[in-house]
């Protein structure tokens, strides 16, 4: 214990007697007395991106007989708002190759092999729909912005002999990057 106290006192004496660092300083006298010392600050701002969705899920429009005849129906999806301090890209993909299907009618099992591609997406309501896949597809791109909004539109494909009664769901992954 005595050795520790002696060692602590020795370290303290070394610190007190060590030369002090030279800091910027100034002095002034008289009236008015002003003293200014130049200095600087620095920071690093990294890439910052934010994606906001108007809704976390979208209930697709239930098909009618005329939708089955047409082979599809349409649903307006969420509005996506991007904020970024650099160029950015928003990607879309399906989390799975197949829809999840739950039976709702005895004797008519839900279609267990409905492909993700039966959901089509677009950023315009009347055209340019692309089939959803499990690979990222570029949904929209832009430059630094405080707020860029895009509405997502869906078309769901239907076939009389394929799409049996059931509850169907599909998870979608949206990825915002600022490369």
Protein backbone atom coordinates (compact mmCIF):
# COMPACT_ATOMS: atom_id res chain seq x y z
CA UNK A 1 0.00 0.00 0.00
CA UNK A 2 2.83 2.38 0.92
CA UNK A 3 4.56 1.68 -2.38
CA UNK A 4 1.37 2.57 -4.33
CA UNK A 5 1.00 5.90 -2.47
CA UNK A 6 4.65 6.80 -3.13
CA UNK A 7 4.23 5.87 -6.81
CA UNK A 8 1.05 7.99 -7.09
CA UNK A 9 2.81 10.99 -5.53
CA UNK A 10 5.75 10.58 -7.93
CA UNK A 11 3.41 10.51 -10.95
CA UNK A 12 1.57 13.59 -9.68
CA UNK A 13 4.85 15.50 -9.23
CA UNK A 14 5.89 14.60 -12.79
CA UNK A 15 2.60 15.88 -14.18
CA UNK A 16 2.79 19.15 -12.23
CA UNK A 17 6.38 19.82 -13.26
CA UNK A 18 5.89 18.79 -16.93
CA UNK A 19 5.94 21.62 -19.47
CA UNK A 20 2.45 22.77 -20.45
CA UNK A 21 1.21 22.73 -24.01
CA UNK A 22 1.37 26.00 -25.82
CA UNK A 23 -2.17 27.16 -26.62
CA UNK A 24 -3.21 30.09 -28.73
CA UNK A 25 -3.54 33.08 -26.49
CA UNK A 26 -3.66 36.81 -26.55
CA UNK A 27 -3.66 39.67 -24.10
CA UNK A 28 -4.85 43.24 -24.24
CA UNK A 29 -4.77 46.21 -21.91
CA UNK A 30 -6.35 49.58 -21.81
CA UNK A 31 -9.89 50.53 -22.59
CA UNK A 32 -11.57 49.06 -24.50
CA UNK A 33 -9.65 45.81 -24.16
CA UNK A 34 -10.22 43.30 -26.96
CA UNK A 35 -8.50 40.04 -27.50
CA UNK A 36 -9.11 37.60 -30.33
CA UNK A 37 -7.65 34.17 -30.95
CA UNK A 38 -8.12 32.53 -34.35
CA UNK A 39 -9.40 28.95 -34.31
CA UNK A 40 -11.08 26.45 -36.57
CA UNK A 41 -13.60 23.65 -36.50
CA UNK A 42 -14.04 20.71 -38.84
CA UNK A 43 -16.57 17.98 -39.48
CA UNK A 44 -17.29 15.16 -41.89
CA UNK A 45 -20.81 14.89 -43.30
CA UNK A 46 -21.54 11.41 -44.61
CA UNK A 47 -24.26 10.40 -47.03
CA UNK A 48 -27.68 10.58 -45.41
CA UNK A 49 -30.85 9.10 -46.92
CA UNK A 50 -34.40 8.70 -45.63
CA UNK A 51 -37.36 6.77 -47.05
CA UNK A 52 -40.86 7.41 -45.75
CA UNK A 53 -43.96 5.46 -46.82
CA UNK A 54 -47.54 6.69 -46.56
CA UNK A 55 -48.58 3.15 -45.56
CA UNK A 56 -46.67 0.05 -44.51
CA UNK A 57 -49.01 -2.29 -46.39
CA UNK A 58 -51.42 -2.14 -49.31
CA UNK A 59 -54.62 -4.14 -49.64
CA UNK A 60 -54.83 -5.08 -53.31
CA UNK A 61 -58.20 -4.68 -55.03
CA UNK A 62 -60.15 -7.97 -54.93
CA UNK A 63 -60.68 -9.35 -58.44
CA UNK A 64 -64.07 -9.24 -60.14
CA UNK A 65 -65.25 -11.39 -63.08
CA UNK A 66 -64.27 -8.58 -65.47
CA UNK A 67 -60.77 -8.49 -63.89
CA UNK A 68 -60.39 -12.22 -64.58
CA UNK A 69 -61.57 -11.60 -68.17
CA UNK A 70 -59.05 -8.74 -68.56
CA UNK A 71 -56.34 -10.78 -66.86
CA UNK A 72 -55.53 -8.11 -64.24
CA UNK A 73 -56.78 -5.31 -62.01
CA UNK A 74 -55.11 -2.18 -60.64
CA UNK A 75 -54.42 -0.78 -57.17
CA UNK A 76 -52.83 2.49 -56.08
CA UNK A 77 -50.05 1.73 -53.61
CA UNK A 78 -48.24 3.90 -51.09
CA UNK A 79 -46.57 7.24 -51.67
CA UNK A 80 -42.81 7.02 -51.15
CA UNK A 81 -40.94 10.14 -50.03
CA UNK A 82 -37.16 10.29 -50.29
CA UNK A 83 -34.83 12.78 -48.62
CA UNK A 84 -31.12 12.58 -49.37
CA UNK A 85 -28.02 14.76 -49.34
CA UNK A 86 -26.51 12.99 -52.38
CA UNK A 87 -27.62 11.20 -55.54
CA UNK A 88 -29.79 8.19 -54.69
CA UNK A 89 -31.61 5.17 -56.13
CA UNK A 90 -34.70 3.42 -54.79
CA UNK A 91 -34.93 -0.29 -55.62
CA UNK A 92 -37.87 -2.69 -55.42
CA UNK A 93 -37.99 -6.47 -55.22
CA UNK A 94 -40.05 -9.30 -53.84
CA UNK A 95 -38.91 -10.95 -50.61
CA UNK A 96 -39.96 -14.36 -52.00
CA UNK A 97 -40.43 -16.01 -55.39
CA UNK A 98 -43.99 -17.09 -54.54
CA UNK A 99 -47.00 -15.51 -52.83
CA UNK A 100 -48.07 -16.95 -49.49
CA UNK A 101 -51.48 -18.60 -50.00
CA UNK A 102 -54.00 -19.55 -47.33
CA UNK A 103 -57.03 -21.74 -48.07
CA UNK A 104 -60.43 -20.11 -47.61
CA UNK A 105 -62.78 -22.55 -49.42
CA UNK A 106 -63.12 -26.28 -48.70
CA UNK A 107 -62.32 -28.33 -51.77
CA UNK A 108 -60.64 -25.41 -53.55
CA UNK A 109 -57.09 -25.02 -52.23
CA UNK A 110 -55.43 -21.63 -52.63
CA UNK A 111 -52.82 -21.45 -55.39
CA UNK A 112 -49.55 -22.32 -53.63
CA UNK A 113 -47.39 -21.53 -56.68
CA UNK A 114 -48.58 -18.00 -57.59
CA UNK A 115 -45.36 -16.32 -58.76
CA UNK A 116 -44.16 -12.92 -57.50
CA UNK A 117 -44.25 -11.78 -61.14
CA UNK A 118 -48.06 -11.83 -60.97
CA UNK A 119 -47.65 -8.50 -59.17
CA UNK A 120 -46.61 -5.77 -61.55
CA UNK A 121 -45.40 -2.32 -60.45
CA UNK A 122 -45.04 1.15 -61.95
CA UNK A 123 -44.54 4.77 -60.94
CA UNK A 124 -47.29 5.90 -63.34
CA UNK A 125 -50.89 4.76 -63.09
CA UNK A 126 -51.45 4.01 -66.76
CA UNK A 127 -48.39 2.35 -68.13
CA UNK A 128 -44.95 0.90 -68.00
CA UNK A 129 -45.68 -1.92 -65.54
CA UNK A 130 -42.88 -4.38 -64.75
CA UNK A 131 -43.15 -7.80 -63.16
CA UNK A 132 -41.85 -8.00 -59.60
CA UNK A 133 -38.85 -10.32 -59.16
CA UNK A 134 -36.57 -11.31 -56.30
CA UNK A 135 -33.79 -9.18 -57.82
CA UNK A 136 -33.53 -5.44 -57.12
CA UNK A 137 -34.99 -3.29 -59.89
CA UNK A 138 -34.48 0.45 -60.07
CA UNK A 139 -37.78 2.07 -59.09
CA UNK A 140 -36.73 5.73 -59.19
CA UNK A 141 -33.50 7.75 -58.97
CA UNK A 142 -32.70 11.33 -58.09
CA UNK A 143 -30.25 13.92 -56.84
CA UNK A 144 -29.90 15.49 -53.41
CA UNK A 145 -33.36 16.58 -52.28
CA UNK A 146 -35.28 17.53 -49.17
CA UNK A 147 -38.39 15.74 -50.44
CA UNK A 148 -39.01 13.71 -53.60
CA UNK A 149 -42.38 11.89 -53.65
CA UNK A 150 -43.37 9.00 -55.90
CA UNK A 151 -46.57 6.97 -55.84
CA UNK A 152 -46.30 3.24 -56.43
CA UNK A 153 -48.98 1.59 -58.60
CA UNK A 154 -49.73 -2.13 -58.83
CA UNK A 155 -51.38 -4.44 -61.33
CA UNK A 156 -52.21 -7.94 -60.14
CA UNK A 157 -52.44 -10.66 -62.80
CA UNK A 158 -55.29 -13.20 -62.66
CA UNK A 159 -56.20 -16.36 -64.56
CA UNK A 160 -59.57 -18.12 -64.34
CA UNK A 161 -57.99 -21.58 -64.18
CA UNK A 162 -55.02 -20.64 -61.99
CA UNK A 163 -56.11 -18.24 -59.25
CA UNK A 164 -58.31 -20.23 -56.90
CA UNK A 165 -60.07 -18.76 -53.85
CA UNK A 166 -57.74 -17.93 -50.97
CA UNK A 167 -55.96 -15.20 -49.06
CA UNK A 168 -52.73 -14.21 -50.78
CA UNK A 169 -49.87 -12.03 -49.57
CA UNK A 170 -46.45 -11.04 -50.81
CA UNK A 171 -43.73 -9.07 -49.03
CA UNK A 172 -42.00 -6.33 -50.99
CA UNK A 173 -38.56 -4.93 -50.17
CA UNK A 174 -37.74 -1.29 -50.94
CA UNK A 175 -34.06 -0.35 -50.65
CA UNK A 176 -32.81 3.23 -50.77
CA UNK A 177 -29.12 3.66 -51.56
CA UNK A 178 -26.80 6.61 -52.09
CA UNK A 179 -23.83 4.99 -53.82
